[in-house]
N, C-alpha and C. Protein backbone atom coordinates (compact mmCIF):
# COMPACT_ATOMS: atom_id res chain seq x y z
N MET A 1 93.45 124.71 117.57
CA MET A 1 93.77 124.24 118.90
C MET A 1 95.09 122.89 118.36
N GLU A 2 96.38 122.59 118.95
CA GLU A 2 97.19 122.00 118.89
C GLU A 2 96.80 120.80 117.79
N GLN A 3 97.46 120.53 117.65
CA GLN A 3 97.20 118.65 117.15
C GLN A 3 98.26 117.61 117.81
N ARG A 4 97.63 116.75 117.70
CA ARG A 4 98.47 115.15 118.54
C ARG A 4 99.55 114.90 117.83
N ILE A 5 100.52 114.11 118.12
CA ILE A 5 101.55 113.77 117.74
C ILE A 5 100.90 112.67 117.02
N GLY A 6 100.67 112.09 115.92
CA GLY A 6 100.62 110.16 115.71
C GLY A 6 98.85 110.81 114.79
N SER A 7 98.65 112.10 115.25
CA SER A 7 96.91 112.18 114.04
C SER A 7 97.24 112.31 112.87
N PHE A 8 95.73 112.60 112.43
CA PHE A 8 95.88 112.86 111.03
C PHE A 8 95.79 114.22 110.94
N GLY A 9 95.09 114.92 111.38
CA GLY A 9 95.60 116.17 111.53
C GLY A 9 97.48 116.86 111.46
N TRP A 10 98.14 116.57 112.47
CA TRP A 10 99.42 116.67 113.26
C TRP A 10 100.07 115.99 111.65
N ALA A 11 99.83 114.86 110.90
CA ALA A 11 100.45 114.47 109.40
C ALA A 11 99.41 114.98 108.39
N ILE A 12 99.19 115.76 108.35
CA ILE A 12 98.44 116.71 106.99
C ILE A 12 99.87 117.87 107.26
N ASP A 13 99.65 118.19 108.71
CA ASP A 13 100.78 119.99 109.10
C ASP A 13 102.41 119.38 108.55
N ARG A 14 102.29 118.19 108.98
CA ARG A 14 104.08 117.65 108.83
C ARG A 14 103.82 117.70 107.41
N LEU A 15 103.55 117.28 106.56
CA LEU A 15 103.03 117.24 104.85
C LEU A 15 103.26 118.65 104.60
N LYS A 16 102.79 119.82 105.25
CA LYS A 16 102.71 120.98 104.30
C LYS A 16 103.72 121.29 104.41
N ASP A 17 105.10 121.18 106.46
CA ASP A 17 105.94 121.54 106.06
C ASP A 17 107.51 121.02 105.24
N GLY A 18 107.05 120.24 104.75
CA GLY A 18 108.15 119.07 103.74
C GLY A 18 108.31 118.05 104.18
N ALA A 19 107.15 117.19 105.33
CA ALA A 19 108.00 116.15 105.74
C ALA A 19 107.22 115.30 104.84
N LYS A 20 107.49 113.92 105.13
CA LYS A 20 106.70 112.56 104.32
C LYS A 20 107.26 111.73 106.25
N VAL A 21 105.31 110.99 105.48
CA VAL A 21 104.73 110.44 106.28
C VAL A 21 103.89 109.19 106.54
N SER A 22 104.03 108.35 107.49
CA SER A 22 104.08 106.60 107.55
C SER A 22 102.54 106.72 108.46
N ARG A 23 102.14 105.35 108.25
CA ARG A 23 101.36 105.25 108.94
C ARG A 23 102.26 103.79 109.71
N ARG A 24 102.29 102.96 110.89
CA ARG A 24 102.61 102.45 111.30
C ARG A 24 101.37 101.00 111.38
N GLY A 25 100.05 101.40 111.01
CA GLY A 25 99.61 100.41 110.24
C GLY A 25 99.57 99.54 109.31
N TRP A 26 100.30 100.01 108.49
CA TRP A 26 100.12 100.13 106.96
C TRP A 26 101.40 99.18 106.80
N ASN A 27 100.61 97.84 106.00
CA ASN A 27 101.44 96.11 106.25
C ASN A 27 102.48 97.13 105.28
N GLY A 28 102.48 97.14 104.14
CA GLY A 28 103.74 97.42 103.27
C GLY A 28 104.51 98.26 103.92
N LYS A 29 106.62 98.23 103.34
CA LYS A 29 107.42 98.17 103.90
C LYS A 29 107.85 99.32 103.10
N GLY A 30 108.31 100.64 103.01
CA GLY A 30 108.86 101.38 102.58
C GLY A 30 107.58 102.89 102.14
N MET A 31 106.54 102.19 102.75
CA MET A 31 105.50 103.24 101.59
C MET A 31 105.59 104.61 102.73
N PHE A 32 105.14 105.41 101.84
CA PHE A 32 104.77 106.64 102.67
C PHE A 32 104.99 108.28 101.75
N LEU A 33 104.18 109.13 102.58
CA LEU A 33 103.24 109.74 101.56
C LEU A 33 103.89 111.02 101.60
N PHE A 34 104.00 112.29 101.14
CA PHE A 34 104.83 113.51 100.38
C PHE A 34 103.84 114.17 99.62
N LEU A 35 103.88 115.83 99.49
CA LEU A 35 102.81 116.94 99.28
C LEU A 35 104.08 117.23 98.42
N VAL A 36 103.05 116.80 97.01
CA VAL A 36 103.45 117.29 95.37
C VAL A 36 102.74 119.22 95.27
N GLN A 37 104.07 120.11 95.87
CA GLN A 37 103.35 121.35 95.87
C GLN A 37 102.78 121.81 94.44
N GLY A 38 101.83 122.94 94.40
CA GLY A 38 101.30 122.95 92.69
C GLY A 38 102.45 124.00 92.71
N SER A 39 102.29 123.57 90.81
CA SER A 39 102.48 124.41 90.06
C SER A 39 102.54 125.17 88.55
N THR A 40 102.48 125.82 87.24
CA THR A 40 101.70 125.72 86.59
C THR A 40 102.64 126.05 85.05
N PHE A 41 102.01 125.30 84.31
CA PHE A 41 103.05 125.06 82.54
C PHE A 41 101.48 124.80 81.86
N LYS A 42 102.26 124.49 80.33
CA LYS A 42 101.23 124.35 79.76
C LYS A 42 101.55 123.46 78.59
N VAL A 43 100.10 123.10 77.92
CA VAL A 43 99.93 121.64 78.15
C VAL A 43 100.36 121.43 76.56
N ASN A 44 101.54 120.05 76.47
CA ASN A 44 101.69 119.92 75.14
C ASN A 44 102.20 118.41 75.28
N ARG A 45 101.34 117.77 75.61
CA ARG A 45 101.09 116.46 76.30
C ARG A 45 100.01 115.71 76.15
N PRO A 46 99.91 114.30 74.70
CA PRO A 46 98.93 114.03 76.25
C PRO A 46 99.38 113.49 78.01
N PRO A 47 98.71 112.97 77.86
CA PRO A 47 96.81 113.56 78.15
C PRO A 47 95.79 114.36 77.72
N LEU A 48 96.26 115.55 78.36
CA LEU A 48 96.07 117.00 78.49
C LEU A 48 95.61 117.68 76.86
N LEU A 49 96.62 116.87 76.84
CA LEU A 49 96.47 117.42 74.81
C LEU A 49 95.36 116.82 74.11
N GLY A 50 94.59 117.17 74.03
CA GLY A 50 93.24 116.55 73.30
C GLY A 50 91.94 116.56 74.02
N ILE A 51 92.68 117.07 75.36
CA ILE A 51 91.69 118.08 76.58
C ILE A 51 91.42 119.15 76.42
N TYR A 52 92.81 119.49 75.68
CA TYR A 52 93.22 121.01 75.90
C TYR A 52 93.95 121.23 74.68
N PRO A 53 93.92 122.45 74.47
CA PRO A 53 94.40 123.29 73.14
C PRO A 53 96.10 123.54 73.74
N GLU A 54 96.90 122.73 72.73
CA GLU A 54 98.40 122.75 72.94
C GLU A 54 98.60 124.36 73.77
N GLY A 55 99.66 124.59 74.34
CA GLY A 55 99.80 125.51 75.35
C GLY A 55 98.76 126.14 75.90
N THR A 56 97.63 126.28 75.91
CA THR A 56 96.68 126.22 77.40
C THR A 56 97.81 126.10 78.60
N GLU A 57 97.56 127.44 79.67
CA GLU A 57 98.46 127.39 80.41
C GLU A 57 97.11 126.38 81.38
N ILE A 58 97.79 125.64 82.68
CA ILE A 58 96.88 125.06 83.86
C ILE A 58 97.94 125.06 84.86
N ASN A 59 96.87 125.50 85.45
CA ASN A 59 97.26 125.91 87.09
C ASN A 59 97.45 123.72 88.03
N TYR A 60 98.22 123.44 87.97
CA TYR A 60 98.78 121.77 89.07
C TYR A 60 98.09 122.02 90.13
N ARG A 61 97.57 121.58 91.08
CA ARG A 61 96.56 121.69 91.86
C ARG A 61 97.42 120.72 93.09
N SER A 62 98.87 121.65 94.19
CA SER A 62 98.68 121.15 95.04
C SER A 62 98.07 119.70 95.57
N HIS A 63 98.75 118.49 95.83
CA HIS A 63 97.87 117.21 96.42
C HIS A 63 99.27 116.67 96.31
N ILE A 64 98.79 114.62 97.49
CA ILE A 64 99.69 114.06 98.15
C ILE A 64 99.85 113.29 97.57
N ASP A 65 101.08 112.77 97.17
CA ASP A 65 101.38 111.85 96.73
C ASP A 65 101.46 110.64 97.77
N MET A 66 101.89 109.67 97.20
CA MET A 66 102.41 107.65 97.92
C MET A 66 103.10 106.78 97.09
N LYS A 67 104.43 106.79 98.25
CA LYS A 67 104.91 106.17 97.51
C LYS A 67 105.22 104.36 98.39
N THR A 68 105.22 103.50 96.67
CA THR A 68 104.12 102.25 97.83
C THR A 68 105.37 101.23 97.51
N ALA A 69 104.78 100.49 98.63
CA ALA A 69 105.95 99.15 98.48
C ALA A 69 106.64 98.62 97.37
N ASP A 70 106.08 99.12 96.40
CA ASP A 70 106.76 98.45 94.89
C ASP A 70 107.47 99.00 94.88
N ASN A 71 107.60 100.94 94.61
CA ASN A 71 108.35 101.73 94.76
C ASN A 71 107.85 102.27 93.65
N GLN A 72 106.43 102.23 93.14
CA GLN A 72 105.52 103.22 91.93
C GLN A 72 105.10 104.47 93.28
N ILE A 73 104.31 105.51 92.20
CA ILE A 73 104.36 106.53 92.75
C ILE A 73 102.36 106.48 92.26
N VAL A 74 101.69 106.89 93.46
CA VAL A 74 100.68 106.82 93.00
C VAL A 74 99.71 108.02 93.84
N PRO A 75 98.50 108.38 93.84
CA PRO A 75 97.92 109.91 94.14
C PRO A 75 97.00 108.81 95.67
N TRP A 76 97.43 109.63 96.48
CA TRP A 76 96.96 109.27 97.67
C TRP A 76 95.72 109.60 97.81
N VAL A 77 94.23 109.56 98.57
CA VAL A 77 93.40 109.99 98.76
C VAL A 77 92.83 108.94 100.31
N ALA A 78 92.69 109.81 101.33
CA ALA A 78 93.18 109.35 102.70
C ALA A 78 91.55 108.34 103.00
N SER A 79 91.36 107.57 103.79
CA SER A 79 90.79 106.37 103.85
C SER A 79 90.13 106.68 105.45
N GLN A 80 88.49 106.62 106.02
CA GLN A 80 88.02 106.74 106.90
C GLN A 80 89.36 106.10 108.40
N SER A 81 89.87 104.69 107.44
CA SER A 81 90.88 104.44 108.46
C SER A 81 92.16 105.58 109.04
N ASP A 82 92.54 106.29 107.88
CA ASP A 82 93.41 106.68 108.03
C ASP A 82 93.52 107.82 108.86
N MET A 83 92.14 108.44 108.49
CA MET A 83 91.89 110.14 108.76
C MET A 83 92.37 110.10 110.97
N LEU A 84 91.31 108.68 110.68
CA LEU A 84 90.81 108.67 112.46
C LEU A 84 92.19 107.49 113.44
N ALA A 85 92.57 107.10 112.50
CA ALA A 85 94.26 106.92 113.38
C ALA A 85 95.41 108.24 113.62
N GLU A 86 95.35 107.15 114.98
CA GLU A 86 97.03 107.86 115.19
C GLU A 86 97.85 107.24 115.74
N ASP A 87 98.28 106.55 114.42
CA ASP A 87 99.76 106.02 114.47
C ASP A 87 101.38 106.60 113.66
N TRP A 88 100.15 108.22 113.33
CA TRP A 88 100.92 108.71 111.90
C TRP A 88 102.04 108.94 112.40
N GLU A 89 103.53 109.06 111.91
CA GLU A 89 104.94 109.17 111.82
C GLU A 89 105.68 109.62 111.08
N GLU A 90 106.81 110.87 111.31
CA GLU A 90 107.40 110.95 110.47
C GLU A 90 108.64 110.07 109.91
N ILE A 91 108.39 110.96 108.04
CA ILE A 91 109.97 109.31 107.62
C ILE A 91 111.14 109.94 107.36
N GLY A 92 111.89 109.82 108.42
CA GLY A 92 113.65 110.58 107.70
C GLY A 92 113.90 110.28 106.67
N GLU A 93 115.13 111.04 106.61
CA GLU A 93 115.47 110.59 105.73
C GLU A 93 116.12 110.35 104.79
């Protein structure tokens, strides 16, 4: 099934292709989402050091982060409103 432009499914597909996306309905200026690709690294500092022994190889899974209106980066989880919204758009460079 092809995704409708502006739908949540479309936005997820765009993230997977490396694009940044945002919702017109968000009230913060400059906010957008981006996909952080997974990686593998060895534990060498807190907070993981103390949970895992130093040198433990960790598989850091892909996830979505948000650039906030105050230029912070935070992990992002979709709300029900976000998933049902039809106002998603791609953010240009």
